[in-house]
Amino acid sequence: MNEPSTDPRDTRIYDRPAIRNLGDAIVHDRDAASPVSHLEEAGAFPPNMRIGWAALGVAGFQLAMKHDEIVGDAEATLTGTIESLHGYREKLHAVSANVDGVEKESVEHVRRI
């Protein structure tokens, strides 16, 4: 029977390239359509999506204004979500880069104990 390895490189509970790849998969269309590409497609509102204040006449003024407000809110929400996903990608890349340094420090602390 093989003894378990005591080398910390063999006992990792993470996969550094997988962390980076997860960040890339959120934003880039490599293996399949990414969440960002779906959101960008959904957010590509046609230019005539906003109907303008006069579209429904005087009686429909408030309805037309509310419609355009809802369209604007939807655009802002999609844009914000896309920006957040790009931010998550950057954070996952940072985590991936920091993992090795933290692991080395941990091994040193454990050796001192």
N, C-alpha and C. Protein backbone atom coordinates (compact mmCIF):
# COMPACT_ATOMS: atom_id res chain seq x y z
N MET A 1 0.84 -1.18 0.00
CA MET A 1 0.00 0.00 0.00
C MET A 1 0.88 1.25 0.00
N ASN A 2 0.54 2.23 -0.81
CA ASN A 2 1.33 3.45 -0.91
C ASN A 2 1.03 4.39 0.24
N GLU A 3 2.07 4.98 0.75
CA GLU A 3 1.92 5.99 1.80
C GLU A 3 1.43 7.29 1.17
N PRO A 4 0.58 8.03 1.87
CA PRO A 4 0.15 9.33 1.34
C PRO A 4 1.35 10.27 1.22
N SER A 5 1.32 11.06 0.20
CA SER A 5 2.39 12.02 -0.03
C SER A 5 2.34 13.13 1.01
N THR A 6 3.50 13.55 1.46
CA THR A 6 3.57 14.68 2.38
C THR A 6 3.99 15.95 1.66
N ASP A 7 4.22 15.83 0.38
CA ASP A 7 4.58 17.00 -0.42
C ASP A 7 3.33 17.87 -0.60
N PRO A 8 3.38 19.13 -0.16
CA PRO A 8 2.20 19.99 -0.25
C PRO A 8 1.70 20.18 -1.68
N ARG A 9 2.57 20.03 -2.65
CA ARG A 9 2.14 20.18 -4.04
C ARG A 9 1.22 19.04 -4.46
N ASP A 10 1.27 17.92 -3.74
CA ASP A 10 0.41 16.78 -4.06
C ASP A 10 -0.89 16.80 -3.28
N THR A 11 -1.05 17.72 -2.36
CA THR A 11 -2.24 17.74 -1.51
C THR A 11 -3.07 19.00 -1.72
N ARG A 12 -2.97 19.62 -2.85
CA ARG A 12 -3.73 20.84 -3.13
C ARG A 12 -5.22 20.54 -3.19
N ILE A 13 -5.98 21.48 -2.70
CA ILE A 13 -7.43 21.35 -2.79
C ILE A 13 -8.00 22.29 -3.85
N TYR A 14 -7.16 22.75 -4.71
CA TYR A 14 -7.56 23.67 -5.78
C TYR A 14 -6.79 23.30 -7.02
N ASP A 15 -7.24 23.83 -8.10
CA ASP A 15 -6.55 23.66 -9.38
C ASP A 15 -6.39 25.05 -9.96
N ARG A 16 -5.20 25.60 -9.83
CA ARG A 16 -4.96 26.99 -10.21
C ARG A 16 -5.37 27.30 -11.65
N PRO A 17 -5.00 26.47 -12.64
CA PRO A 17 -5.47 26.75 -14.00
C PRO A 17 -6.99 26.70 -14.13
N ALA A 18 -7.62 25.82 -13.35
CA ALA A 18 -9.08 25.73 -13.41
C ALA A 18 -9.72 27.02 -12.89
N ILE A 19 -9.11 27.64 -11.88
CA ILE A 19 -9.62 28.90 -11.35
C ILE A 19 -9.56 29.97 -12.43
N ARG A 20 -8.41 30.05 -13.11
CA ARG A 20 -8.27 31.02 -14.21
C ARG A 20 -9.25 30.73 -15.34
N ASN A 21 -9.37 29.45 -15.68
CA ASN A 21 -10.28 29.07 -16.78
C ASN A 21 -11.72 29.40 -16.44
N LEU A 22 -12.10 29.26 -15.18
CA LEU A 22 -13.45 29.63 -14.77
C LEU A 22 -13.69 31.11 -15.03
N GLY A 23 -12.72 31.93 -14.65
CA GLY A 23 -12.84 33.37 -14.91
C GLY A 23 -12.95 33.66 -16.39
N ASP A 24 -12.16 32.97 -17.20
CA ASP A 24 -12.22 33.19 -18.65
C ASP A 24 -13.54 32.70 -19.23
N ALA A 25 -14.06 31.58 -18.72
CA ALA A 25 -15.31 31.03 -19.24
C ALA A 25 -16.49 31.95 -18.97
N ILE A 26 -16.41 32.75 -17.92
CA ILE A 26 -17.49 33.69 -17.62
C ILE A 26 -17.58 34.75 -18.71
N VAL A 27 -16.44 35.14 -19.26
CA VAL A 27 -16.38 36.29 -20.15
C VAL A 27 -16.19 35.91 -21.63
N HIS A 28 -15.39 34.90 -21.91
CA HIS A 28 -15.02 34.59 -23.29
C HIS A 28 -15.77 33.37 -23.82
N ASP A 29 -16.06 33.38 -25.11
CA ASP A 29 -16.71 32.25 -25.78
C ASP A 29 -15.64 31.33 -26.34
N ARG A 30 -15.16 30.41 -25.53
CA ARG A 30 -14.14 29.48 -26.01
C ARG A 30 -14.78 28.13 -26.30
N ASP A 31 -15.31 27.48 -25.28
CA ASP A 31 -15.92 26.16 -25.46
C ASP A 31 -17.41 26.26 -25.76
N ALA A 32 -18.03 27.28 -25.26
CA ALA A 32 -19.46 27.50 -25.47
C ALA A 32 -19.73 28.99 -25.25
N ALA A 33 -20.96 29.38 -25.49
CA ALA A 33 -21.31 30.78 -25.29
C ALA A 33 -21.20 31.12 -23.80
N SER A 34 -20.53 32.21 -23.51
CA SER A 34 -20.33 32.63 -22.12
C SER A 34 -21.56 33.37 -21.62
N PRO A 35 -21.70 33.47 -20.29
CA PRO A 35 -22.80 34.27 -19.75
C PRO A 35 -22.77 35.72 -20.25
N VAL A 36 -21.57 36.27 -20.40
CA VAL A 36 -21.46 37.64 -20.87
C VAL A 36 -21.99 37.77 -22.29
N SER A 37 -21.68 36.81 -23.16
CA SER A 37 -22.17 36.93 -24.53
C SER A 37 -23.69 36.82 -24.59
N HIS A 38 -24.28 35.99 -23.70
CA HIS A 38 -25.74 35.92 -23.64
C HIS A 38 -26.33 37.26 -23.20
N LEU A 39 -25.71 37.87 -22.20
CA LEU A 39 -26.20 39.15 -21.71
C LEU A 39 -26.01 40.26 -22.74
N GLU A 40 -24.89 40.23 -23.44
CA GLU A 40 -24.67 41.24 -24.49
C GLU A 40 -25.69 41.10 -25.60
N GLU A 41 -26.01 39.85 -25.94
CA GLU A 41 -27.02 39.63 -26.97
C GLU A 41 -28.40 40.10 -26.49
N ALA A 42 -28.72 39.80 -25.25
CA ALA A 42 -30.01 40.22 -24.69
C ALA A 42 -30.08 41.74 -24.57
N GLY A 43 -28.95 42.37 -24.33
CA GLY A 43 -28.92 43.81 -24.14
C GLY A 43 -28.84 44.60 -25.41
N ALA A 44 -28.77 43.92 -26.54
CA ALA A 44 -28.71 44.63 -27.82
C ALA A 44 -30.12 45.03 -28.23
N PHE A 45 -30.67 45.99 -27.51
CA PHE A 45 -32.03 46.45 -27.81
C PHE A 45 -32.05 47.15 -29.16
N PRO A 46 -33.10 46.94 -29.94
CA PRO A 46 -33.21 47.67 -31.20
C PRO A 46 -33.36 49.16 -30.94
N PRO A 47 -32.91 49.99 -31.86
CA PRO A 47 -32.95 51.43 -31.61
C PRO A 47 -34.37 51.97 -31.39
N ASN A 48 -35.36 51.27 -31.91
CA ASN A 48 -36.72 51.77 -31.76
C ASN A 48 -37.42 51.17 -30.53
N MET A 49 -36.67 50.60 -29.60
CA MET A 49 -37.25 50.01 -28.40
C MET A 49 -37.90 51.08 -27.53
N ARG A 50 -37.28 52.24 -27.47
CA ARG A 50 -37.88 53.35 -26.72
C ARG A 50 -38.92 54.01 -27.64
N ILE A 51 -40.10 54.24 -27.09
CA ILE A 51 -41.17 54.74 -27.95
C ILE A 51 -41.32 56.25 -27.91
N GLY A 52 -40.79 56.88 -26.90
CA GLY A 52 -40.86 58.34 -26.83
C GLY A 52 -42.17 58.83 -26.22
N TRP A 53 -42.15 60.06 -25.75
CA TRP A 53 -43.27 60.60 -24.98
C TRP A 53 -44.54 60.78 -25.80
N ALA A 54 -44.44 61.03 -27.08
CA ALA A 54 -45.63 61.32 -27.89
C ALA A 54 -46.21 60.08 -28.57
N ALA A 55 -45.62 58.94 -28.39
CA ALA A 55 -46.04 57.75 -29.13
C ALA A 55 -47.48 57.32 -28.86
N LEU A 56 -47.96 57.52 -27.66
CA LEU A 56 -49.30 57.07 -27.31
C LEU A 56 -50.27 58.24 -27.11
N GLY A 57 -49.89 59.40 -27.57
CA GLY A 57 -50.76 60.55 -27.45
C GLY A 57 -50.77 61.11 -26.04
N VAL A 58 -51.63 62.09 -25.85
CA VAL A 58 -51.71 62.77 -24.56
C VAL A 58 -52.18 61.81 -23.47
N ALA A 59 -53.14 60.96 -23.78
CA ALA A 59 -53.69 60.04 -22.78
C ALA A 59 -52.65 58.99 -22.36
N GLY A 60 -51.77 58.61 -23.28
CA GLY A 60 -50.79 57.57 -22.98
C GLY A 60 -49.42 58.10 -22.62
N PHE A 61 -49.33 59.41 -22.35
CA PHE A 61 -48.04 60.03 -22.05
C PHE A 61 -47.32 59.32 -20.89
N GLN A 62 -48.02 59.11 -19.78
CA GLN A 62 -47.37 58.49 -18.62
C GLN A 62 -46.97 57.05 -18.91
N LEU A 63 -47.81 56.33 -19.65
CA LEU A 63 -47.48 54.95 -20.01
C LEU A 63 -46.23 54.91 -20.89
N ALA A 64 -46.16 55.80 -21.87
CA ALA A 64 -45.00 55.84 -22.76
C ALA A 64 -43.73 56.18 -21.98
N MET A 65 -43.84 57.13 -21.05
CA MET A 65 -42.67 57.51 -20.26
C MET A 65 -42.23 56.36 -19.35
N LYS A 66 -43.19 55.65 -18.75
CA LYS A 66 -42.86 54.51 -17.88
C LYS A 66 -42.22 53.39 -18.71
N HIS A 67 -42.73 53.17 -19.92
CA HIS A 67 -42.15 52.15 -20.81
C HIS A 67 -40.68 52.46 -21.09
N ASP A 68 -40.41 53.70 -21.45
CA ASP A 68 -39.02 54.08 -21.75
C ASP A 68 -38.14 54.00 -20.50
N GLU A 69 -38.71 54.30 -19.34
CA GLU A 69 -37.96 54.17 -18.09
C GLU A 69 -37.60 52.71 -17.82
N ILE A 70 -38.55 51.81 -18.06
CA ILE A 70 -38.29 50.38 -17.86
C ILE A 70 -37.22 49.88 -18.82
N VAL A 71 -37.28 50.31 -20.08
CA VAL A 71 -36.25 49.93 -21.05
C VAL A 71 -34.88 50.43 -20.59
N GLY A 72 -34.82 51.67 -20.12
CA GLY A 72 -33.56 52.22 -19.62
C GLY A 72 -33.03 51.46 -18.42
N ASP A 73 -33.94 51.08 -17.51
CA ASP A 73 -33.53 50.29 -16.35
C ASP A 73 -32.99 48.93 -16.77
N ALA A 74 -33.64 48.31 -17.75
CA ALA A 74 -33.17 47.01 -18.24
C ALA A 74 -31.78 47.12 -18.86
N GLU A 75 -31.57 48.16 -19.65
CA GLU A 75 -30.25 48.38 -20.24
C GLU A 75 -29.19 48.59 -19.17
N ALA A 76 -29.51 49.39 -18.18
CA ALA A 76 -28.56 49.66 -17.10
C ALA A 76 -28.25 48.39 -16.30
N THR A 77 -29.28 47.58 -16.05
CA THR A 77 -29.08 46.34 -15.30
C THR A 77 -28.18 45.39 -16.08
N LEU A 78 -28.42 45.24 -17.36
CA LEU A 78 -27.59 44.35 -18.17
C LEU A 78 -26.15 44.86 -18.24
N THR A 79 -25.98 46.13 -18.43
CA THR A 79 -24.64 46.71 -18.48
C THR A 79 -23.91 46.49 -17.15
N GLY A 80 -24.60 46.73 -16.05
CA GLY A 80 -23.99 46.54 -14.74
C GLY A 80 -23.63 45.08 -14.48
N THR A 81 -24.48 44.17 -14.92
CA THR A 81 -24.20 42.75 -14.73
C THR A 81 -22.99 42.33 -15.55
N ILE A 82 -22.90 42.80 -16.77
CA ILE A 82 -21.75 42.48 -17.62
C ILE A 82 -20.46 43.00 -16.98
N GLU A 83 -20.50 44.22 -16.47
CA GLU A 83 -19.32 44.79 -15.80
C GLU A 83 -18.95 43.97 -14.57
N SER A 84 -19.96 43.51 -13.82
CA SER A 84 -19.70 42.70 -12.64
C SER A 84 -19.04 41.38 -13.01
N LEU A 85 -19.50 40.75 -14.08
CA LEU A 85 -18.90 39.49 -14.51
C LEU A 85 -17.45 39.68 -14.96
N HIS A 86 -17.17 40.80 -15.61
CA HIS A 86 -15.77 41.08 -15.96
C HIS A 86 -14.95 41.26 -14.68
N GLY A 87 -15.54 41.89 -13.67
CA GLY A 87 -14.86 42.05 -12.39
C GLY A 87 -14.59 40.71 -11.71
N TYR A 88 -15.57 39.78 -11.79
CA TYR A 88 -15.36 38.45 -11.22
C TYR A 88 -14.22 37.74 -11.93
N ARG A 89 -14.12 37.92 -13.22
CA ARG A 89 -13.01 37.31 -13.97
C ARG A 89 -11.68 37.82 -13.43
N GLU A 90 -11.58 39.12 -13.25
CA GLU A 90 -10.33 39.69 -12.73
C GLU A 90 -10.03 39.18 -11.32
N LYS A 91 -11.07 39.04 -10.50
CA LYS A 91 -10.87 38.55 -9.13
C LYS A 91 -10.43 37.09 -9.14
N LEU A 92 -11.01 36.27 -10.01
CA LEU A 92 -10.59 34.87 -10.10
C LEU A 92 -9.15 34.77 -10.58
N HIS A 93 -8.74 35.62 -11.50
CA HIS A 93 -7.35 35.63 -11.95
C HIS A 93 -6.43 36.03 -10.80
N ALA A 94 -6.86 37.00 -10.00
CA ALA A 94 -6.05 37.42 -8.86
C ALA A 94 -5.93 36.30 -7.83
N VAL A 95 -7.02 35.61 -7.58
CA VAL A 95 -6.98 34.47 -6.65
C VAL A 95 -6.02 33.42 -7.15
N SER A 96 -6.10 33.11 -8.43
CA SER A 96 -5.21 32.12 -9.02
C SER A 96 -3.75 32.52 -8.85
N ALA A 97 -3.46 33.79 -9.05
CA ALA A 97 -2.08 34.26 -8.92
C ALA A 97 -1.60 34.26 -7.47
N ASN A 98 -2.51 34.47 -6.54
CA ASN A 98 -2.13 34.55 -5.12
C ASN A 98 -2.01 33.19 -4.45
N VAL A 99 -2.59 32.17 -5.02
CA VAL A 99 -2.66 30.87 -4.36
C VAL A 99 -1.28 30.30 -4.06
N ASP A 100 -0.39 30.32 -5.02
CA ASP A 100 0.94 29.74 -4.80
C ASP A 100 1.70 30.44 -3.69
N GLY A 101 1.62 31.77 -3.66
CA GLY A 101 2.32 32.50 -2.60
C GLY A 101 1.76 32.17 -1.23
N VAL A 102 0.48 32.09 -1.12
CA VAL A 102 -0.15 31.76 0.16
C VAL A 102 0.21 30.34 0.57
N GLU A 103 0.21 29.44 -0.39
CA GLU A 103 0.55 28.05 -0.08
C GLU A 103 1.99 27.93 0.44
N LYS A 104 2.91 28.64 -0.19
CA LYS A 104 4.30 28.61 0.25
C LYS A 104 4.43 29.14 1.67
N GLU A 105 3.73 30.23 1.97
CA GLU A 105 3.77 30.78 3.32
C GLU A 105 3.19 29.80 4.32
N SER A 106 2.12 29.14 3.95
CA SER A 106 1.49 28.17 4.85
C SER A 106 2.42 27.01 5.14
N VAL A 107 3.10 26.51 4.12
CA VAL A 107 4.04 25.40 4.31
C VAL A 107 5.14 25.80 5.25
N GLU A 108 5.65 27.01 5.13
CA GLU A 108 6.69 27.50 6.04
C GLU A 108 6.18 27.57 7.47
N HIS A 109 4.97 28.05 7.66
CA HIS A 109 4.41 28.12 9.01
C HIS A 109 4.23 26.72 9.61
N VAL A 110 3.78 25.81 8.81
CA VAL A 110 3.57 24.43 9.30
C VAL A 110 4.90 23.79 9.65
N ARG A 111 5.92 24.04 8.90
CA ARG A 111 7.24 23.48 9.21
C ARG A 111 7.77 23.99 10.53
N ARG A 112 7.46 25.24 10.86
CA ARG A 112 7.93 25.83 12.11
C ARG A 112 7.19 25.28 13.31
N ILE A 113 6.03 24.75 13.11
CA ILE A 113 5.22 24.24 14.24
C ILE A 113 5.74 22.97 14.74
